[in-house]
Amino acid sequence: KCYWLTNYFETIFVQCWYPMTVATNSRYQKEAIARNL
């Protein structure tokens, strides 16, 4: 009866993009520093 609920919260779930992207950007910089070290 709650089929409509899955995408009701699309917006808040999509906001996972932000912490994920920061963590990704940070990790790539860690790789660059580590290679040089």
Full PDB file with SEQRES, HELIX, SHEET, SSBOND, CRYST1, ORIGX, SCALE, CONECT and MASTER records, all heavy atoms in Angstrom:
SEQRES   1 A   37  LYS CYS TYR TRP LEU THR ASN TYR PHE GLU THR ILE PHE          
SEQRES   2 A   37  VAL GLN CYS TRP TYR PRO MET THR VAL ALA THR ASN SER          
SEQRES   3 A   37  ARG TYR GLN LYS GLU ALA ILE ALA ARG ASN LEU                  
HELIX    1 AA1 LEU A    5  TYR A    8  1                                   4    
HELIX    2 AA2 GLU A   10  VAL A   14  1                                   5    
HELIX    3 AA3 TRP A   17  ASN A   36  1                                  20    
CRYST1    1.000    1.000    1.000  90.00  90.00  90.00 P 1           1          
ORIGX1      1.000000  0.000000  0.000000        0.00000                         
ORIGX2      0.000000  1.000000  0.000000        0.00000                         
ORIGX3      0.000000  0.000000  1.000000        0.00000                         
SCALE1      1.000000  0.000000  0.000000        0.00000                         
SCALE2      0.000000  1.000000  0.000000        0.00000                         
SCALE3      0.000000  0.000000  1.000000        0.00000                         
ATOM      1  N   LYS A   1       0.817  -1.211   0.000  1.00  0.00           N  
ATOM      2  CA  LYS A   1       0.000   0.000   0.000  1.00  0.00           C  
ATOM      3  C   LYS A   1       0.858   1.273   0.000  1.00  0.00           C  
ATOM      4  O   LYS A   1       0.313   2.374  -0.133  1.00  0.00           O  
ATOM      5  CB  LYS A   1      -0.952   0.000   1.195  1.00  0.00           C  
ATOM      6  CG  LYS A   1      -2.027  -1.089   1.125  1.00  0.00           C  
ATOM      7  CD  LYS A   1      -3.009  -0.970   2.270  1.00  0.00           C  
ATOM      8  CE  LYS A   1      -4.115  -2.029   2.159  1.00  0.00           C  
ATOM      9  NZ  LYS A   1      -5.103  -1.925   3.263  1.00  0.00           N  
ATOM     10  N   CYS A   2       2.158   1.095   0.141  1.00  0.00           N  
ATOM     11  CA  CYS A   2       3.050   2.255   0.224  1.00  0.00           C  
ATOM     12  C   CYS A   2       4.032   2.291  -0.948  1.00  0.00           C  
ATOM     13  O   CYS A   2       5.178   2.723  -0.820  1.00  0.00           O  
ATOM     14  CB  CYS A   2       3.820   2.225   1.548  1.00  0.00           C  
ATOM     15  SG  CYS A   2       2.757   2.299   3.004  1.00  0.00           S  
ATOM     16  N   TYR A   3       3.572   1.859  -2.116  1.00  0.00           N  
ATOM     17  CA  TYR A   3       4.400   1.855  -3.329  1.00  0.00           C  
ATOM     18  C   TYR A   3       4.969   3.237  -3.653  1.00  0.00           C  
ATOM     19  O   TYR A   3       6.049   3.385  -4.224  1.00  0.00           O  
ATOM     20  CB  TYR A   3       3.563   1.368  -4.523  1.00  0.00           C  
ATOM     21  CG  TYR A   3       2.374   2.241  -4.813  1.00  0.00           C  
ATOM     22  CD1 TYR A   3       2.463   3.318  -5.701  1.00  0.00           C  
ATOM     23  CD2 TYR A   3       1.144   2.031  -4.179  1.00  0.00           C  
ATOM     24  CE1 TYR A   3       1.391   4.141  -5.947  1.00  0.00           C  
ATOM     25  CE2 TYR A   3       0.068   2.857  -4.416  1.00  0.00           C  
ATOM     26  CZ  TYR A   3       0.187   3.907  -5.297  1.00  0.00           C  
ATOM     27  OH  TYR A   3      -0.878   4.737  -5.524  1.00  0.00           O  
ATOM     28  N   TRP A   4       4.243   4.281  -3.304  1.00  0.00           N  
ATOM     29  CA  TRP A   4       4.603   5.659  -3.614  1.00  0.00           C  
ATOM     30  C   TRP A   4       5.746   6.181  -2.744  1.00  0.00           C  
ATOM     31  O   TRP A   4       6.322   7.238  -3.017  1.00  0.00           O  
ATOM     32  CB  TRP A   4       3.384   6.567  -3.412  1.00  0.00           C  
ATOM     33  CG  TRP A   4       2.729   6.342  -2.076  1.00  0.00           C  
ATOM     34  CD1 TRP A   4       1.766   5.415  -1.783  1.00  0.00           C  
ATOM     35  CD2 TRP A   4       3.016   7.013  -0.839  1.00  0.00           C  
ATOM     36  NE1 TRP A   4       1.434   5.468  -0.446  1.00  0.00           N  
ATOM     37  CE2 TRP A   4       2.186   6.447   0.144  1.00  0.00           C  
ATOM     38  CE3 TRP A   4       3.880   8.041  -0.496  1.00  0.00           C  
ATOM     39  CZ2 TRP A   4       2.207   6.852   1.469  1.00  0.00           C  
ATOM     40  CZ3 TRP A   4       3.907   8.470   0.821  1.00  0.00           C  
ATOM     41  CH2 TRP A   4       3.071   7.878   1.788  1.00  0.00           C  
ATOM     42  N   LEU A   5       6.078   5.414  -1.692  1.00  0.00           N  
ATOM     43  CA  LEU A   5       7.028   5.912  -0.694  1.00  0.00           C  
ATOM     44  C   LEU A   5       8.478   5.869  -1.194  1.00  0.00           C  
ATOM     45  O   LEU A   5       9.294   6.717  -0.829  1.00  0.00           O  
ATOM     46  CB  LEU A   5       6.898   5.088   0.586  1.00  0.00           C  
ATOM     47  CG  LEU A   5       7.468   5.672   1.876  1.00  0.00           C  
ATOM     48  CD1 LEU A   5       6.809   6.996   2.207  1.00  0.00           C  
ATOM     49  CD2 LEU A   5       7.267   4.682   3.025  1.00  0.00           C  
ATOM     50  N   THR A   6       8.790   4.887  -2.032  1.00  0.00           N  
ATOM     51  CA  THR A   6      10.186   4.690  -2.475  1.00  0.00           C  
ATOM     52  C   THR A   6      10.778   5.953  -3.080  1.00  0.00           C  
ATOM     53  O   THR A   6      11.900   6.356  -2.739  1.00  0.00           O  
ATOM     54  CB  THR A   6      10.247   3.549  -3.495  1.00  0.00           C  
ATOM     55  OG1 THR A   6       9.777   2.347  -2.878  1.00  0.00           O  
ATOM     56  CG2 THR A   6      11.665   3.342  -4.013  1.00  0.00           C  
ATOM     57  N   ASN A   7      10.041   6.574  -3.967  1.00  0.00           N  
ATOM     58  CA  ASN A   7      10.581   7.761  -4.638  1.00  0.00           C  
ATOM     59  C   ASN A   7      10.129   9.067  -4.009  1.00  0.00           C  
ATOM     60  O   ASN A   7      10.572  10.134  -4.443  1.00  0.00           O  
ATOM     61  CB  ASN A   7      10.228   7.731  -6.128  1.00  0.00           C  
ATOM     62  CG  ASN A   7      11.276   6.981  -6.926  1.00  0.00           C  
ATOM     63  OD1 ASN A   7      11.796   5.970  -6.468  1.00  0.00           O  
ATOM     64  ND2 ASN A   7      11.595   7.463  -8.112  1.00  0.00           N  
ATOM     65  N   TYR A   8       9.285   8.985  -2.998  1.00  0.00           N  
ATOM     66  CA  TYR A   8       8.930  10.196  -2.266  1.00  0.00           C  
ATOM     67  C   TYR A   8      10.192  10.831  -1.678  1.00  0.00           C  
ATOM     68  O   TYR A   8      10.344  12.050  -1.640  1.00  0.00           O  
ATOM     69  CB  TYR A   8       7.928   9.881  -1.162  1.00  0.00           C  
ATOM     70  CG  TYR A   8       7.408  11.097  -0.424  1.00  0.00           C  
ATOM     71  CD1 TYR A   8       6.255  11.752  -0.860  1.00  0.00           C  
ATOM     72  CD2 TYR A   8       8.073  11.605   0.677  1.00  0.00           C  
ATOM     73  CE1 TYR A   8       5.782  12.886  -0.203  1.00  0.00           C  
ATOM     74  CE2 TYR A   8       7.615  12.732   1.349  1.00  0.00           C  
ATOM     75  CZ  TYR A   8       6.464  13.365   0.903  1.00  0.00           C  
ATOM     76  OH  TYR A   8       6.006  14.482   1.553  1.00  0.00           O  
ATOM     77  N   PHE A   9      11.111   9.970  -1.232  1.00  0.00           N  
ATOM     78  CA  PHE A   9      12.330  10.447  -0.586  1.00  0.00           C  
ATOM     79  C   PHE A   9      13.522  10.478  -1.536  1.00  0.00           C  
ATOM     80  O   PHE A   9      14.676  10.450  -1.105  1.00  0.00           O  
ATOM     81  CB  PHE A   9      12.649   9.585   0.636  1.00  0.00           C  
ATOM     82  CG  PHE A   9      11.667   9.771   1.755  1.00  0.00           C  
ATOM     83  CD1 PHE A   9      10.848   8.730   2.151  1.00  0.00           C  
ATOM     84  CD2 PHE A   9      11.548  10.981   2.400  1.00  0.00           C  
ATOM     85  CE1 PHE A   9       9.942   8.896   3.181  1.00  0.00           C  
ATOM     86  CE2 PHE A   9      10.642  11.161   3.436  1.00  0.00           C  
ATOM     87  CZ  PHE A   9       9.835  10.117   3.827  1.00  0.00           C  
ATOM     88  N   GLU A  10      13.245  10.539  -2.833  1.00  0.00           N  
ATOM     89  CA  GLU A  10      14.319  10.616  -3.820  1.00  0.00           C  
ATOM     90  C   GLU A  10      15.302  11.736  -3.489  1.00  0.00           C  
ATOM     91  O   GLU A  10      16.527  11.546  -3.522  1.00  0.00           O  
ATOM     92  CB  GLU A  10      13.738  10.858  -5.220  1.00  0.00           C  
ATOM     93  CG  GLU A  10      14.776  11.173  -6.280  1.00  0.00           C  
ATOM     94  CD  GLU A  10      14.184  11.809  -7.524  1.00  0.00           C  
ATOM     95  OE1 GLU A  10      12.981  12.147  -7.519  1.00  0.00           O  
ATOM     96  OE2 GLU A  10      14.940  12.000  -8.492  1.00  0.00           O  
ATOM     97  N   THR A  11      14.807  12.905  -3.175  1.00  0.00           N  
ATOM     98  CA  THR A  11      15.669  14.074  -2.971  1.00  0.00           C  
ATOM     99  C   THR A  11      16.675  13.855  -1.856  1.00  0.00           C  
ATOM    100  O   THR A  11      17.874  14.112  -2.020  1.00  0.00           O  
ATOM    101  CB  THR A  11      14.820  15.316  -2.680  1.00  0.00           C  
ATOM    102  OG1 THR A  11      14.031  15.604  -3.828  1.00  0.00           O  
ATOM    103  CG2 THR A  11      15.686  16.518  -2.354  1.00  0.00           C  
ATOM    104  N   ILE A  12      16.203  13.363  -0.704  1.00  0.00           N  
ATOM    105  CA  ILE A  12      17.123  13.206   0.428  1.00  0.00           C  
ATOM    106  C   ILE A  12      18.105  12.079   0.171  1.00  0.00           C  
ATOM    107  O   ILE A  12      19.281  12.150   0.568  1.00  0.00           O  
ATOM    108  CB  ILE A  12      16.352  13.006   1.748  1.00  0.00           C  
ATOM    109  CG1 ILE A  12      17.272  13.201   2.951  1.00  0.00           C  
ATOM    110  CG2 ILE A  12      15.652  11.670   1.797  1.00  0.00           C  
ATOM    111  CD1 ILE A  12      17.807  14.611   3.101  1.00  0.00           C  
ATOM    112  N   PHE A  13      17.687  11.029  -0.532  1.00  0.00           N  
ATOM    113  CA  PHE A  13      18.619   9.950  -0.856  1.00  0.00           C  
ATOM    114  C   PHE A  13      19.676  10.410  -1.859  1.00  0.00           C  
ATOM    115  O   PHE A  13      20.849  10.046  -1.763  1.00  0.00           O  
ATOM    116  CB  PHE A  13      17.869   8.731  -1.387  1.00  0.00           C  
ATOM    117  CG  PHE A  13      17.296   7.853  -0.309  1.00  0.00           C  
ATOM    118  CD1 PHE A  13      15.942   7.531  -0.298  1.00  0.00           C  
ATOM    119  CD2 PHE A  13      18.093   7.338   0.699  1.00  0.00           C  
ATOM    120  CE1 PHE A  13      15.405   6.724   0.690  1.00  0.00           C  
ATOM    121  CE2 PHE A  13      17.572   6.526   1.698  1.00  0.00           C  
ATOM    122  CZ  PHE A  13      16.224   6.221   1.695  1.00  0.00           C  
ATOM    123  N   VAL A  14      19.275  11.215  -2.831  1.00  0.00           N  
ATOM    124  CA  VAL A  14      20.237  11.703  -3.819  1.00  0.00           C  
ATOM    125  C   VAL A  14      21.310  12.563  -3.151  1.00  0.00           C  
ATOM    126  O   VAL A  14      22.452  12.625  -3.617  1.00  0.00           O  
ATOM    127  CB  VAL A  14      19.524  12.495  -4.935  1.00  0.00           C  
ATOM    128  CG1 VAL A  14      20.532  13.238  -5.815  1.00  0.00           C  
ATOM    129  CG2 VAL A  14      18.708  11.554  -5.808  1.00  0.00           C  
ATOM    130  N   GLN A  15      20.981  13.184  -2.035  1.00  0.00           N  
ATOM    131  CA  GLN A  15      21.963  14.036  -1.364  1.00  0.00           C  
ATOM    132  C   GLN A  15      23.159  13.263  -0.829  1.00  0.00           C  
ATOM    133  O   GLN A  15      24.141  13.858  -0.385  1.00  0.00           O  
ATOM    134  CB  GLN A  15      21.292  14.854  -0.265  1.00  0.00           C  
ATOM    135  CG  GLN A  15      20.415  15.953  -0.835  1.00  0.00           C  
ATOM    136  CD  GLN A  15      19.797  16.845   0.222  1.00  0.00           C  
ATOM    137  OE1 GLN A  15      20.020  16.669   1.421  1.00  0.00           O  
ATOM    138  NE2 GLN A  15      19.020  17.811  -0.220  1.00  0.00           N  
ATOM    139  N   CYS A  16      23.116  11.951  -0.939  1.00  0.00           N  
ATOM    140  CA  CYS A  16      24.309  11.154  -0.660  1.00  0.00           C  
ATOM    141  C   CYS A  16      25.452  11.532  -1.604  1.00  0.00           C  
ATOM    142  O   CYS A  16      26.628  11.266  -1.310  1.00  0.00           O  
ATOM    143  CB  CYS A  16      23.973   9.664  -0.795  1.00  0.00           C  
ATOM    144  SG  CYS A  16      25.205   8.565  -0.075  1.00  0.00           S  
ATOM    145  N   TRP A  17      25.103  12.168  -2.731  1.00  0.00           N  
ATOM    146  CA  TRP A  17      26.144  12.581  -3.679  1.00  0.00           C  
ATOM    147  C   TRP A  17      27.216  13.434  -3.011  1.00  0.00           C  
ATOM    148  O   TRP A  17      28.405  13.344  -3.374  1.00  0.00           O  
ATOM    149  CB  TRP A  17      25.554  13.368  -4.859  1.00  0.00           C  
ATOM    150  CG  TRP A  17      25.179  14.792  -4.528  1.00  0.00           C  
ATOM    151  CD1 TRP A  17      23.943  15.267  -4.217  1.00  0.00           C  
ATOM    152  CD2 TRP A  17      26.059  15.932  -4.464  1.00  0.00           C  
ATOM    153  NE1 TRP A  17      23.987  16.626  -3.966  1.00  0.00           N  
ATOM    154  CE2 TRP A  17      25.280  17.055  -4.112  1.00  0.00           C  
ATOM    155  CE3 TRP A  17      27.429  16.103  -4.686  1.00  0.00           C  
ATOM    156  CZ2 TRP A  17      25.820  18.334  -3.960  1.00  0.00           C  
ATOM    157  CZ3 TRP A  17      27.973  17.382  -4.531  1.00  0.00           C  
ATOM    158  CH2 TRP A  17      27.171  18.467  -4.172  1.00  0.00           C  
ATOM    159  N   TYR A  18      26.818  14.264  -2.030  1.00  0.00           N  
ATOM    160  CA  TYR A  18      27.761  15.243  -1.500  1.00  0.00           C  
ATOM    161  C   TYR A  18      28.860  14.603  -0.639  1.00  0.00           C  
ATOM    162  O   TYR A  18      30.065  14.746  -0.960  1.00  0.00           O  
ATOM    163  CB  TYR A  18      27.024  16.343  -0.740  1.00  0.00           C  
ATOM    164  CG  TYR A  18      27.970  17.311  -0.080  1.00  0.00           C  
ATOM    165  CD1 TYR A  18      28.849  18.069  -0.835  1.00  0.00           C  
ATOM    166  CD2 TYR A  18      28.023  17.431   1.306  1.00  0.00           C  
ATOM    167  CE1 TYR A  18      29.756  18.933  -0.232  1.00  0.00           C  
ATOM    168  CE2 TYR A  18      28.919  18.286   1.915  1.00  0.00           C  
ATOM    169  CZ  TYR A  18      29.786  19.038   1.148  1.00  0.00           C  
ATOM    170  OH  TYR A  18      30.690  19.884   1.749  1.00  0.00           O  
ATOM    171  N   PRO A  19      28.525  13.904   0.446  1.00  0.00           N  
ATOM    172  CA  PRO A  19      29.618  13.309   1.222  1.00  0.00           C  
ATOM    173  C   PRO A  19      30.421  12.297   0.412  1.00  0.00           C  
ATOM    174  O   PRO A  19      31.636  12.169   0.596  1.00  0.00           O  
ATOM    175  CB  PRO A  19      28.904  12.642   2.402  1.00  0.00           C  
ATOM    176  CG  PRO A  19      27.487  12.478   1.960  1.00  0.00           C  
ATOM    177  CD  PRO A  19      27.210  13.636   1.046  1.00  0.00           C  
ATOM    178  N   MET A  20      29.748  11.590  -0.496  1.00  0.00           N  
ATOM    179  CA  MET A  20      30.435  10.620  -1.340  1.00  0.00           C  
ATOM    180  C   MET A  20      31.447  11.304  -2.254  1.00  0.00           C  
ATOM    181  O   MET A  20      32.585  10.840  -2.415  1.00  0.00           O  
ATOM    182  CB  MET A  20      29.404   9.853  -2.165  1.00  0.00           C  
ATOM    183  CG  MET A  20      29.976   8.754  -3.027  1.00  0.00           C  
ATOM    184  SD  MET A  20      28.695   7.969  -4.026  1.00  0.00           S  
ATOM    185  CE  MET A  20      28.609   9.118  -5.404  1.00  0.00           C  
ATOM    186  N   THR A  21      31.064  12.425  -2.848  1.00  0.00           N  
ATOM    187  CA  THR A  21      31.955  13.123  -3.773  1.00  0.00           C  
ATOM    188  C   THR A  21      33.128  13.760  -3.038  1.00  0.00           C  
ATOM    189  O   THR A  21      34.260  13.750  -3.526  1.00  0.00           O  
ATOM    190  CB  THR A  21      31.170  14.176  -4.572  1.00  0.00           C  
ATOM    191  OG1 THR A  21      30.085  13.527  -5.263  1.00  0.00           O  
ATOM    192  CG2 THR A  21      32.051  14.870  -5.590  1.00  0.00           C  
ATOM    193  N   VAL A  22      32.883  14.320  -1.857  1.00  0.00           N  
ATOM    194  CA  VAL A  22      33.989  14.878  -1.073  1.00  0.00           C  
ATOM    195  C   VAL A  22      34.975  13.771  -0.701  1.00  0.00           C  
ATOM    196  O   VAL A  22      36.196  13.932  -0.827  1.00  0.00           O  
ATOM    197  CB  VAL A  22      33.472  15.589   0.191  1.00  0.00           C  
ATOM    198  CG1 VAL A  22      34.653  16.000   1.082  1.00  0.00           C  
ATOM    199  CG2 VAL A  22      32.655  16.812  -0.175  1.00  0.00           C  
ATOM    200  N   ALA A  23      34.458  12.643  -0.241  1.00  0.00           N  
ATOM    201  CA  ALA A  23      35.333  11.526   0.129  1.00  0.00           C  
ATOM    202  C   ALA A  23      36.134  11.038  -1.073  1.00  0.00           C  
ATOM    203  O   ALA A  23      37.313  10.680  -0.957  1.00  0.00           O  
ATOM    204  CB  ALA A  23      34.508  10.384   0.721  1.00  0.00           C  
ATOM    205  N   THR A  24      35.509  11.025  -2.234  1.00  0.00           N  
ATOM    206  CA  THR A  24      36.184  10.587  -3.459  1.00  0.00           C  
ATOM    207  C   THR A  24      37.286  11.559  -3.851  1.00  0.00           C  
ATOM    208  O   THR A  24      38.427  11.165  -4.137  1.00  0.00           O  
ATOM    209  CB  THR A  24      35.160  10.456  -4.600  1.00  0.00           C  
ATOM    210  OG1 THR A  24      34.154   9.498  -4.230  1.00  0.00           O  
ATOM    211  CG2 THR A  24      35.824  10.013  -5.890  1.00  0.00           C  
ATOM    212  N   ASN A  25      36.967  12.840  -3.877  1.00  0.00           N  
ATOM    213  CA  ASN A  25      37.937  13.881  -4.206  1.00  0.00           C  
ATOM    214  C   ASN A  25      39.129  13.831  -3.250  1.00  0.00           C  
ATOM    215  O   ASN A  25      40.294  13.890  -3.657  1.00  0.00           O  
ATOM    216  CB  ASN A  25      37.234  15.236  -4.139  1.00  0.00           C  
ATOM    217  CG  ASN A  25      38.129  16.401  -4.499  1.00  0.00           C  
ATOM    218  OD1 ASN A  25      39.114  16.261  -5.208  1.00  0.00           O  
ATOM    219  ND2 ASN A  25      37.788  17.576  -3.995  1.00  0.00           N  
ATOM    220  N   SER A  26      38.836  13.695  -1.969  1.00  0.00           N  
ATOM    221  CA  SER A  26      39.878  13.636  -0.948  1.00  0.00           C  
ATOM    222  C   SER A  26      40.769  12.411  -1.147  1.00  0.00           C  
ATOM    223  O   SER A  26      42.002  12.489  -1.034  1.00  0.00           O  
ATOM    224  CB  SER A  26      39.213  13.595   0.434  1.00  0.00           C  
ATOM    225  OG  SER A  26      40.149  13.353   1.455  1.00  0.00           O  
ATOM    226  N   ARG A  27      40.164  11.276  -1.462  1.00  0.00           N  
ATOM    227  CA  ARG A  27      40.948  10.045  -1.632  1.00  0.00           C  
ATOM    228  C   ARG A  27      41.877  10.134  -2.843  1.00  0.00           C  
ATOM    229  O   ARG A  27      43.016   9.659  -2.795  1.00  0.00           O  
ATOM    230  CB  ARG A  27      40.021   8.840  -1.776  1.00  0.00           C  
ATOM    231  CG  ARG A  27      40.761   7.499  -1.810  1.00  0.00           C  
ATOM    232  CD  ARG A  27      39.784   6.339  -1.897  1.00  0.00           C  
ATOM    233  NE  ARG A  27      40.460   5.076  -1.768  1.00  0.00           N  
ATOM    234  CZ  ARG A  27      41.006   4.376  -2.777  1.00  0.00           C  
ATOM    235  NH1 ARG A  27      40.956   4.890  -4.013  1.00  0.00           N  
ATOM    236  NH2 ARG A  27      41.578   3.215  -2.569  1.00  0.00           N  
ATOM    237  N   TYR A  28      41.418  10.726  -3.925  1.00  0.00           N  
ATOM    238  CA  TYR A  28      42.289  10.872  -5.092  1.00  0.00           C  
ATOM    239  C   TYR A  28      43.491  11.764  -4.775  1.00  0.00           C  
ATOM    240  O   TYR A  28      44.601  11.542  -5.278  1.00  0.00           O  
ATOM    241  CB  TYR A  28      41.499  11.413  -6.284  1.00  0.00           C  
ATOM    242  CG  TYR A  28      40.887  10.306  -7.125  1.00  0.00           C  
ATOM    243  CD1 TYR A  28      39.681   9.717  -6.777  1.00  0.00           C  
ATOM    244  CD2 TYR A  28      41.537   9.831  -8.264  1.00  0.00           C  
ATOM    245  CE1 TYR A  28      39.121   8.686  -7.534  1.00  0.00           C  
ATOM    246  CE2 TYR A  28      40.994   8.811  -9.033  1.00  0.00           C  
ATOM    247  CZ  TYR A  28      39.791   8.239  -8.658  1.00  0.00           C  
ATOM    248  OH  TYR A  28      39.257   7.214  -9.403  1.00  0.00           O  
ATOM    249  N   GLN A  29      43.285  12.769  -3.934  1.00  0.00           N  
ATOM    250  CA  GLN A  29      44.417  13.604  -3.523  1.00  0.00           C  
ATOM    251  C   GLN A  29      45.363  12.818  -2.614  1.00  0.00           C  
ATOM    252  O   GLN A  29      46.586  12.985  -2.675  1.00  0.00           O  
ATOM    253  CB  GLN A  29      43.903  14.871  -2.842  1.00  0.00           C  
ATOM    254  CG  GLN A  29      43.196  15.795  -3.835  1.00  0.00           C  
ATOM    255  CD  GLN A  29      42.701  17.075  -3.198  1.00  0.00           C  
ATOM    256  OE1 GLN A  29      43.471  17.984  -2.940  1.00  0.00           O  
ATOM    257  NE2 GLN A  29      41.394  17.150  -2.960  1.00  0.00           N  
ATOM    258  N   LYS A  30      44.795  11.945  -1.800  1.00  0.00           N  
ATOM    259  CA  LYS A  30      45.628  11.090  -0.953  1.00  0.00           C  
ATOM    260  C   LYS A  30      46.508  10.184  -1.816  1.00  0.00           C  
ATOM    261  O   LYS A  30      47.698   9.988  -1.529  1.00  0.00           O  
ATOM    262  CB  LYS A  30      44.751  10.253  -0.031  1.00  0.00           C  
ATOM    263  CG  LYS A  30      45.527   9.406   0.972  1.00  0.00           C  
ATOM    264  CD  LYS A  30      44.567   8.673   1.898  1.00  0.00           C  
ATOM    265  CE  LYS A  30      45.309   7.880   2.960  1.00  0.00           C  
ATOM    266  NZ  LYS A  30      44.368   7.178   3.875  1.00  0.00           N  
ATOM    267  N   GLU A  31      45.947   9.647  -2.880  1.00  0.00           N  
ATOM    268  CA  GLU A  31      46.730   8.810  -3.781  1.00  0.00           C  
ATOM    269  C   GLU A  31      47.872   9.592  -4.414  1.00  0.00           C  
ATOM    270  O   GLU A  31      49.003   9.085  -4.531  1.00  0.00           O  
ATOM    271  CB  GLU A  31      45.823   8.216  -4.867  1.00  0.00           C  
ATOM    272  CG  GLU A  31      44.902   7.113  -4.379  1.00  0.00           C  
ATOM    273  CD  GLU A  31      44.137   6.455  -5.502  1.00  0.00           C  
ATOM    274  OE1 GLU A  31      43.776   7.168  -6.470  1.00  0.00           O  
ATOM    275  OE2 GLU A  31      43.890   5.238  -5.423  1.00  0.00           O  
ATOM    276  N   ALA A  32      47.594  10.830  -4.832  1.00  0.00           N  
ATOM    277  CA  ALA A  32      48.629  11.658  -5.454  1.00  0.00           C  
ATOM    278  C   ALA A  32      49.757  11.950  -4.477  1.00  0.00           C  
ATOM    279  O   ALA A  32      50.948  11.876  -4.831  1.00  0.00           O  
ATOM    280  CB  ALA A  32      48.016  12.957  -5.973  1.00  0.00           C  
ATOM    281  N   ILE A  33      49.416  12.303  -3.247  1.00  0.00           N  
ATOM    282  CA  ILE A  33      50.438  12.590  -2.237  1.00  0.00           C  
ATOM    283  C   ILE A  33      51.237  11.334  -1.924  1.00  0.00           C  
ATOM    284  O   ILE A  33      52.465  11.363  -1.820  1.00  0.00           O  
ATOM    285  CB  ILE A  33      49.780  13.158  -0.959  1.00  0.00           C  
ATOM    286  CG1 ILE A  33      49.111  14.499  -1.252  1.00  0.00           C  
ATOM    287  CG2 ILE A  33      50.820  13.315   0.144  1.00  0.00           C  
ATOM    288  CD1 ILE A  33      48.219  15.002  -0.120  1.00  0.00           C  
ATOM    289  N   ALA A  34      50.538  10.213  -1.778  1.00  0.00           N  
ATOM    290  CA  ALA A  34      51.217   8.959  -1.436  1.00  0.00           C  
ATOM    291  C   ALA A  34      52.194   8.533  -2.527  1.00  0.00           C  
ATOM    292  O   ALA A  34      53.303   8.069  -2.234  1.00  0.00           O  
ATOM    293  CB  ALA A  34      50.185   7.858  -1.193  1.00  0.00           C  
ATOM    294  N   ARG A  35      51.797   8.685  -3.783  1.00  0.00           N  
ATOM    295  CA  ARG A  35      52.698   8.331  -4.884  1.00  0.00           C  
ATOM    296  C   ARG A  35      53.982   9.156  -4.812  1.00  0.00           C  
ATOM    297  O   ARG A  35      55.093   8.643  -5.008  1.00  0.00           O  
ATOM    298  CB  ARG A  35      52.017   8.558  -6.228  1.00  0.00           C  
ATOM    299  CG  ARG A  35      50.999   7.513  -6.610  1.00  0.00           C  
ATOM    300  CD  ARG A  35      50.630   7.621  -8.087  1.00  0.00           C  
ATOM    301  NE  ARG A  35      50.122   8.937  -8.455  1.00  0.00           N  
ATOM    302  CZ  ARG A  35      48.845   9.293  -8.420  1.00  0.00           C  
ATOM    303  NH1 ARG A  35      47.929   8.414  -8.013  1.00  0.00           N  
ATOM    304  NH2 ARG A  35      48.467  10.500  -8.792  1.00  0.00           N  
ATOM    305  N   ASN A  36      53.809  10.458  -4.523  1.00  0.00           N  
ATOM    306  CA  ASN A  36      54.975  11.330  -4.478  1.00  0.00           C  
ATOM    307  C   ASN A  36      55.845  11.026  -3.265  1.00  0.00           C  
ATOM    308  O   ASN A  36      57.077  11.041  -3.358  1.00  0.00           O  
ATOM    309  CB  ASN A  36      54.534  12.789  -4.475  1.00  0.00           C  
ATOM    310  CG  ASN A  36      55.625  13.717  -4.943  1.00  0.00           C  
ATOM    311  OD1 ASN A  36      56.497  14.090  -4.176  1.00  0.00           O  
ATOM    312  ND2 ASN A  36      55.579  14.062  -6.236  1.00  0.00           N  
ATOM    313  N   LEU A  37      55.237  10.752  -2.138  1.00  0.00           N  
ATOM    314  CA  LEU A  37      56.008  10.343  -0.965  1.00  0.00           C  
ATOM    315  C   LEU A  37      56.783   9.069  -1.248  1.00  0.00           C  
ATOM    316  O   LEU A  37      57.952   8.933  -0.864  1.00  0.00           O  
ATOM    317  CB  LEU A  37      55.079  10.121   0.228  1.00  0.00           C  
ATOM    318  CG  LEU A  37      54.642  11.330   1.038  1.00  0.00           C  
ATOM    319  CD1 LEU A  37      53.574  10.931   2.045  1.00  0.00           C  
ATOM    320  CD2 LEU A  37      55.832  11.969   1.753  1.00  0.00           C  
TER     321      LEU A  37                                                      
MASTER        0    0    0    3    0    0    0    6  320    1    0    3          
END                                                                             
